[in-house]
C-alpha atoms as a PDB file:
ATOM      1  CA  MET A   1    -230.323-154.852 -87.862  1.00  0.00           C
ATOM      2  CA  ALA A   2    -230.976-152.972 -91.510  1.00  0.00           C
ATOM      3  CA  ALA A   3    -233.927-153.441 -93.030  1.00  0.00           C
ATOM      4  CA  LYS A   4    -233.065-155.603 -95.856  1.00  0.00           C
ATOM      5  CA  ARG A   5    -233.436-154.443-100.047  1.00  0.00           C
ATOM      6  CA  SER A   6    -235.623-155.091-103.218  1.00  0.00           C
ATOM      7  CA  ALA A   7    -235.280-153.973-105.516  1.00  0.00           C
ATOM      8  CA  GLY A   8    -237.839-153.787-108.553  1.00  0.00           C
ATOM      9  CA  LEU A   9    -239.013-152.853-111.949  1.00  0.00           C
ATOM     10  CA  LEU A  10    -242.562-151.291-112.671  1.00  0.00           C
ATOM     11  CA  ILE A  11    -242.847-152.501-116.559  1.00  0.00           C
ATOM     12  CA  PHE A  12    -245.036-150.840-118.636  1.00  0.00           C
ATOM     13  CA  ARG A  13    -247.121-150.427-122.418  1.00  0.00           C
ATOM     14  CA  ARG A  14    -248.690-148.536-123.788  1.00  0.00           C
ATOM     15  CA  VAL A  15    -251.912-150.635-125.424  1.00  0.00           C
ATOM     16  CA  GLU A  16    -253.891-147.609-127.432  1.00  0.00           C
ATOM     17  CA  GLN A  17    -254.978-144.394-124.398  1.00  0.00           C
ATOM     18  CA  ASP A  18    -254.316-146.962-121.896  1.00  0.00           C
ATOM     19  CA  LEU A  19    -251.237-147.724-119.843  1.00  0.00           C
ATOM     20  CA  GLN A  20    -250.720-150.753-118.847  1.00  0.00           C
ATOM     21  CA  VAL A  21    -248.429-152.551-115.976  1.00  0.00           C
ATOM     22  CA  LEU A  22    -247.394-156.034-115.575  1.00  0.00           C
ATOM     23  CA  LEU A  23    -247.632-157.938-112.083  1.00  0.00           C
ATOM     24  CA  VAL A  24    -247.092-161.276-110.669  1.00  0.00           C
ATOM     25  CA  HIS A  25    -248.643-163.576-108.153  1.00  0.00           C
ATOM     26  CA  PRO A  26    -246.255-165.042-106.143  1.00  0.00           C
ATOM     27  CA  GLY A  27    -246.411-168.914-105.856  1.00  0.00           C
ATOM     28  CA  GLY A  28    -246.420-170.957-103.216  1.00  0.00           C
ATOM     29  CA  PRO A  29    -249.681-172.348-101.111  1.00  0.00           C
ATOM     30  CA  PHE A  30    -248.768-169.098 -99.090  1.00  0.00           C
ATOM     31  CA  TRP A  31    -250.857-167.218-102.247  1.00  0.00           C
ATOM     32  CA  ALA A  32    -252.319-169.469-103.976  1.00  0.00           C
ATOM     33  CA  ARG A  33    -255.622-168.002-103.109  1.00  0.00           C
ATOM     34  CA  ARG A  34    -255.193-164.237-102.969  1.00  0.00           C
ATOM     35  CA  ASP A  35    -255.522-162.382-105.474  1.00  0.00           C
ATOM     36  CA  GLU A  36    -256.581-158.440-104.222  1.00  0.00           C
ATOM     37  CA  ALA A  37    -253.746-156.639-102.462  1.00  0.00           C
ATOM     38  CA  ALA A  38    -251.767-159.906-103.343  1.00  0.00           C
ATOM     39  CA  TRP A  39    -250.015-159.212-106.949  1.00  0.00           C
ATOM     40  CA  SER A  40    -245.756-157.239-106.988  1.00  0.00           C
ATOM     41  CA  ILE A  41    -243.597-155.833-109.008  1.00  0.00           C
ATOM     42  CA  PRO A  42    -241.171-158.176-110.128  1.00  0.00           C
ATOM     43  CA  LYS A  43    -238.341-158.024-107.907  1.00  0.00           C
ATOM     44  CA  GLY A  44    -236.334-159.379-104.627  1.00  0.00           C
ATOM     45  CA  LEU A  45    -233.665-158.853-102.797  1.00  0.00           C
ATOM     46  CA  VAL A  46    -230.611-157.772-103.705  1.00  0.00           C
ATOM     47  CA  GLU A  47    -226.642-158.968-103.070  1.00  0.00           C
ATOM     48  CA  GLU A  48    -224.332-157.218-100.572  1.00  0.00           C
ATOM     49  CA  GLY A  49    -222.203-155.564-102.725  1.00  0.00           C
ATOM     50  CA  GLU A  50    -224.589-155.010-106.142  1.00  0.00           C
ATOM     51  CA  ASP A  51    -225.476-152.899-107.515  1.00  0.00           C
ATOM     52  CA  GLU A  52    -229.247-152.278-107.138  1.00  0.00           C
ATOM     53  CA  LEU A  53    -230.575-151.499-110.998  1.00  0.00           C
ATOM     54  CA  GLU A  54    -228.457-155.017-111.913  1.00  0.00           C
ATOM     55  CA  ALA A  55    -230.467-156.656-109.083  1.00  0.00           C
ATOM     56  CA  ALA A  56    -233.468-155.589-110.353  1.00  0.00           C
ATOM     57  CA  ARG A  57    -233.153-156.378-114.030  1.00  0.00           C
ATOM     58  CA  ARG A  58    -232.394-159.910-112.437  1.00  0.00           C
ATOM     59  CA  GLU A  59    -234.783-160.760-110.244  1.00  0.00           C
ATOM     60  CA  VAL A  60    -237.133-160.263-113.488  1.00  0.00           C
ATOM     61  CA  GLN A  61    -235.029-162.638-114.862  1.00  0.00           C
ATOM     62  CA  GLU A  62    -236.226-165.509-112.237  1.00  0.00           C
ATOM     63  CA  GLU A  63    -239.259-164.293-112.309  1.00  0.00           C
ATOM     64  CA  THR A  64    -239.719-164.470-115.459  1.00  0.00           C
ATOM     65  CA  GLY A  65    -237.546-165.568-117.956  1.00  0.00           C
ATOM     66  CA  ILE A  66    -237.620-161.428-119.694  1.00  0.00           C
ATOM     67  CA  LEU A  67    -234.445-159.879-119.854  1.00  0.00           C
ATOM     68  CA  ILE A  68    -235.269-156.263-120.285  1.00  0.00           C
ATOM     69  CA  ASP A  69    -232.225-153.974-121.663  1.00  0.00           C
ATOM     70  CA  GLY A  70    -234.806-150.846-121.822  1.00  0.00           C
ATOM     71  CA  GLU A  71    -233.804-148.139-120.219  1.00  0.00           C
ATOM     72  CA  CYS A  72    -235.025-147.604-117.080  1.00  0.00           C
ATOM     73  CA  GLN A  73    -235.710-144.124-115.306  1.00  0.00           C
ATOM     74  CA  TRP A  74    -235.625-144.443-111.267  1.00  0.00           C
ATOM     75  CA  LEU A  75    -239.433-144.342-109.639  1.00  0.00           C
ATOM     76  CA  GLY A  76    -239.028-144.448-105.881  1.00  0.00           C
ATOM     77  CA  GLU A  77    -237.871-146.408-102.343  1.00  0.00           C
ATOM     78  CA  TYR A  78    -241.342-147.399-100.812  1.00  0.00           C
ATOM     79  CA  ARG A  79    -241.157-149.073 -97.304  1.00  0.00           C
ATOM     80  CA  GLN A  80    -243.116-151.816 -96.683  1.00  0.00           C
ATOM     81  CA  PRO A  81    -244.999-153.091 -94.505  1.00  0.00           C
ATOM     82  CA  GLY A  82    -242.288-155.251 -92.959  1.00  0.00           C
ATOM     83  CA  GLY A  83    -240.129-152.370 -92.906  1.00  0.00           C
ATOM     84  CA  LYS A  84    -238.488-154.377 -95.591  1.00  0.00           C
ATOM     85  CA  ARG A  85    -238.027-151.173 -97.814  1.00  0.00           C
ATOM     86  CA  VAL A  86    -237.734-151.355-101.893  1.00  0.00           C
ATOM     87  CA  LEU A  87    -236.374-149.873-104.888  1.00  0.00           C
ATOM     88  CA  ALA A  88    -238.144-149.033-108.458  1.00  0.00           C
ATOM     89  CA  TRP A  89    -237.309-148.523-112.062  1.00  0.00           C
ATOM     90  CA  CYS A  90    -240.265-148.285-114.528  1.00  0.00           C
ATOM     91  CA  VAL A  91    -239.611-148.996-118.073  1.00  0.00           C
ATOM     92  CA  GLU A  92    -241.649-148.867-121.227  1.00  0.00           C
ATOM     93  CA  ASP A  93    -240.484-152.143-122.823  1.00  0.00           C
ATOM     94  CA  GLY A  94    -243.590-154.589-122.204  1.00  0.00           C
ATOM     95  CA  ALA A  95    -244.464-154.553-126.388  1.00  0.00           C
ATOM     96  CA  ASP A  96    -243.314-158.271-126.873  1.00  0.00           C
ATOM     97  CA  ILE A  97    -244.610-160.038-123.507  1.00  0.00           C
ATOM     98  CA  ASP A  98    -246.117-162.373-123.417  1.00  0.00           C
ATOM     99  CA  ALA A  99    -247.584-162.829-119.972  1.00  0.00           C
ATOM    100  CA  THR A 100    -248.696-165.769-119.845  1.00  0.00           C
ATOM    101  CA  ARG A 101    -245.572-166.903-121.296  1.00  0.00           C
ATOM    102  CA  ILE A 102    -243.364-166.719-118.722  1.00  0.00           C
ATOM    103  CA  VAL A 103    -240.601-168.403-116.736  1.00  0.00           C
ATOM    104  CA  SER A 104    -239.316-168.369-113.478  1.00  0.00           C
ATOM    105  CA  ASN A 105    -237.336-170.446-111.545  1.00  0.00           C
ATOM    106  CA  SER A 106    -238.616-172.174-108.143  1.00  0.00           C
ATOM    107  CA  PHE A 107    -237.984-172.305-104.662  1.00  0.00           C
ATOM    108  CA  THR A 108    -238.611-175.072-101.847  1.00  0.00           C
ATOM    109  CA  MET A 109    -239.941-175.410 -98.976  1.00  0.00           C
ATOM    110  CA  GLU A 110    -241.417-178.251 -96.006  1.00  0.00           C
ATOM    111  CA  TYR A 111    -245.543-178.473 -97.811  1.00  0.00           C
ATOM    112  CA  PRO A 112    -247.418-178.993 -95.705  1.00  0.00           C
ATOM    113  CA  PRO A 113    -245.767-177.164 -92.456  1.00  0.00           C
ATOM    114  CA  LYS A 114    -244.143-180.210 -90.045  1.00  0.00           C
ATOM    115  CA  SER A 115    -244.881-183.277 -92.509  1.00  0.00           C
ATOM    116  CA  GLY A 116    -241.867-183.197 -93.094  1.00  0.00           C
ATOM    117  CA  ARG A 117    -241.948-183.229 -96.769  1.00  0.00           C
ATOM    118  CA  MET A 118    -239.868-181.258 -99.112  1.00  0.00           C
ATOM    119  CA  GLN A 119    -242.221-179.314-102.318  1.00  0.00           C
ATOM    120  CA  GLU A 120    -240.983-177.659-105.112  1.00  0.00           C
ATOM    121  CA  PHE A 121    -243.043-174.365-106.195  1.00  0.00           C
ATOM    122  CA  PRO A 122    -242.533-171.560-108.296  1.00  0.00           C
ATOM    123  CA  GLU A 123    -241.995-168.483-107.592  1.00  0.00           C
ATOM    124  CA  VAL A 124    -244.209-166.395-109.522  1.00  0.00           C
ATOM    125  CA  ASP A 125    -246.925-169.010-110.491  1.00  0.00           C
ATOM    126  CA  LYS A 126    -247.960-166.338-113.487  1.00  0.00           C
ATOM    127  CA  ALA A 127    -248.466-162.985-114.597  1.00  0.00           C
ATOM    128  CA  GLY A 128    -250.430-159.913-116.220  1.00  0.00           C
ATOM    129  CA  TRP A 129    -250.697-157.075-118.197  1.00  0.00           C
ATOM    130  CA  PHE A 130    -253.214-155.118-116.230  1.00  0.00           C
ATOM    131  CA  ASN A 131    -254.622-150.779-116.679  1.00  0.00           C
ATOM    132  CA  LEU A 132    -253.370-148.737-113.433  1.00  0.00           C
ATOM    133  CA  GLY A 133    -257.572-148.953-111.827  1.00  0.00           C
ATOM    134  CA  PRO A 134    -257.404-152.744-111.859  1.00  0.00           C
ATOM    135  CA  ALA A 135    -253.475-153.000-110.936  1.00  0.00           C
ATOM    136  CA  ALA A 136    -254.758-150.710-107.991  1.00  0.00           C
ATOM    137  CA  VAL A 137    -256.583-153.276-106.451  1.00  0.00           C
ATOM    138  CA  LYS A 138    -254.120-156.534-107.365  1.00  0.00           C
ATOM    139  CA  ILE A 139    -250.837-154.669-106.040  1.00  0.00           C
ATOM    140  CA  LEU A 140    -249.650-155.287-102.198  1.00  0.00           C
ATOM    141  CA  LYS A 141    -250.553-152.057-100.682  1.00  0.00           C
ATOM    142  CA  GLY A 142    -247.038-151.612-100.217  1.00  0.00           C
ATOM    143  CA  GLN A 143    -245.980-151.355-103.792  1.00  0.00           C
ATOM    144  CA  LYS A 144    -250.063-149.090-104.893  1.00  0.00           C
ATOM    145  CA  PRO A 145    -247.591-145.896-104.705  1.00  0.00           C
ATOM    146  CA  MET A 146    -245.514-147.121-107.494  1.00  0.00           C
ATOM    147  CA  LEU A 147    -249.142-146.761-109.692  1.00  0.00           C
ATOM    148  CA  ASP A 148    -249.123-142.784-108.869  1.00  0.00           C
ATOM    149  CA  ASP A 149    -245.543-141.877-109.318  1.00  0.00           C
ATOM    150  CA  LEU A 150    -245.591-143.401-113.074  1.00  0.00           C
ATOM    151  CA  GLN A 151    -248.243-142.335-113.030  1.00  0.00           C
ATOM    152  CA  ASP A 152    -246.712-138.850-111.815  1.00  0.00           C
ATOM    153  CA  LEU A 153    -243.686-139.265-113.963  1.00  0.00           C
ATOM    154  CA  LEU A 154    -245.307-139.755-117.109  1.00  0.00           C
ATOM    155  CA  GLY A 155    -247.889-137.033-116.857  1.00  0.00           C
END
């Protein structure tokens, strides 16, 4: 079976001399108490036959409520520790994005496990703007190279 593919956008902005990236924190009980190495770029699975960049834009909208229509630049493909491949583009489109006002879709799961109770959780429970240093601490290990590649791309 082929490895799953996700597509996402590394959204960035410049604030004075700093470069900031938008990261999202996954919702649900598994991630509730995790912070370091738990955040991600907004991303999600590419549907069969779907354009990968369009999938990335769709996932950003589903996870944040934000429609990104800026010019996206290919960043790279990143193999995650579990084998999934994440296809990433970067886009400077964050000047007007208020990370405290994101709206995420939700998912349903049995929780607590084996309780027979189904509960609904947001896919993303919060978002934040981070300078690259703090972002490197917050972001999932398998996505950390995206930050270096963004810096290299922007010079």
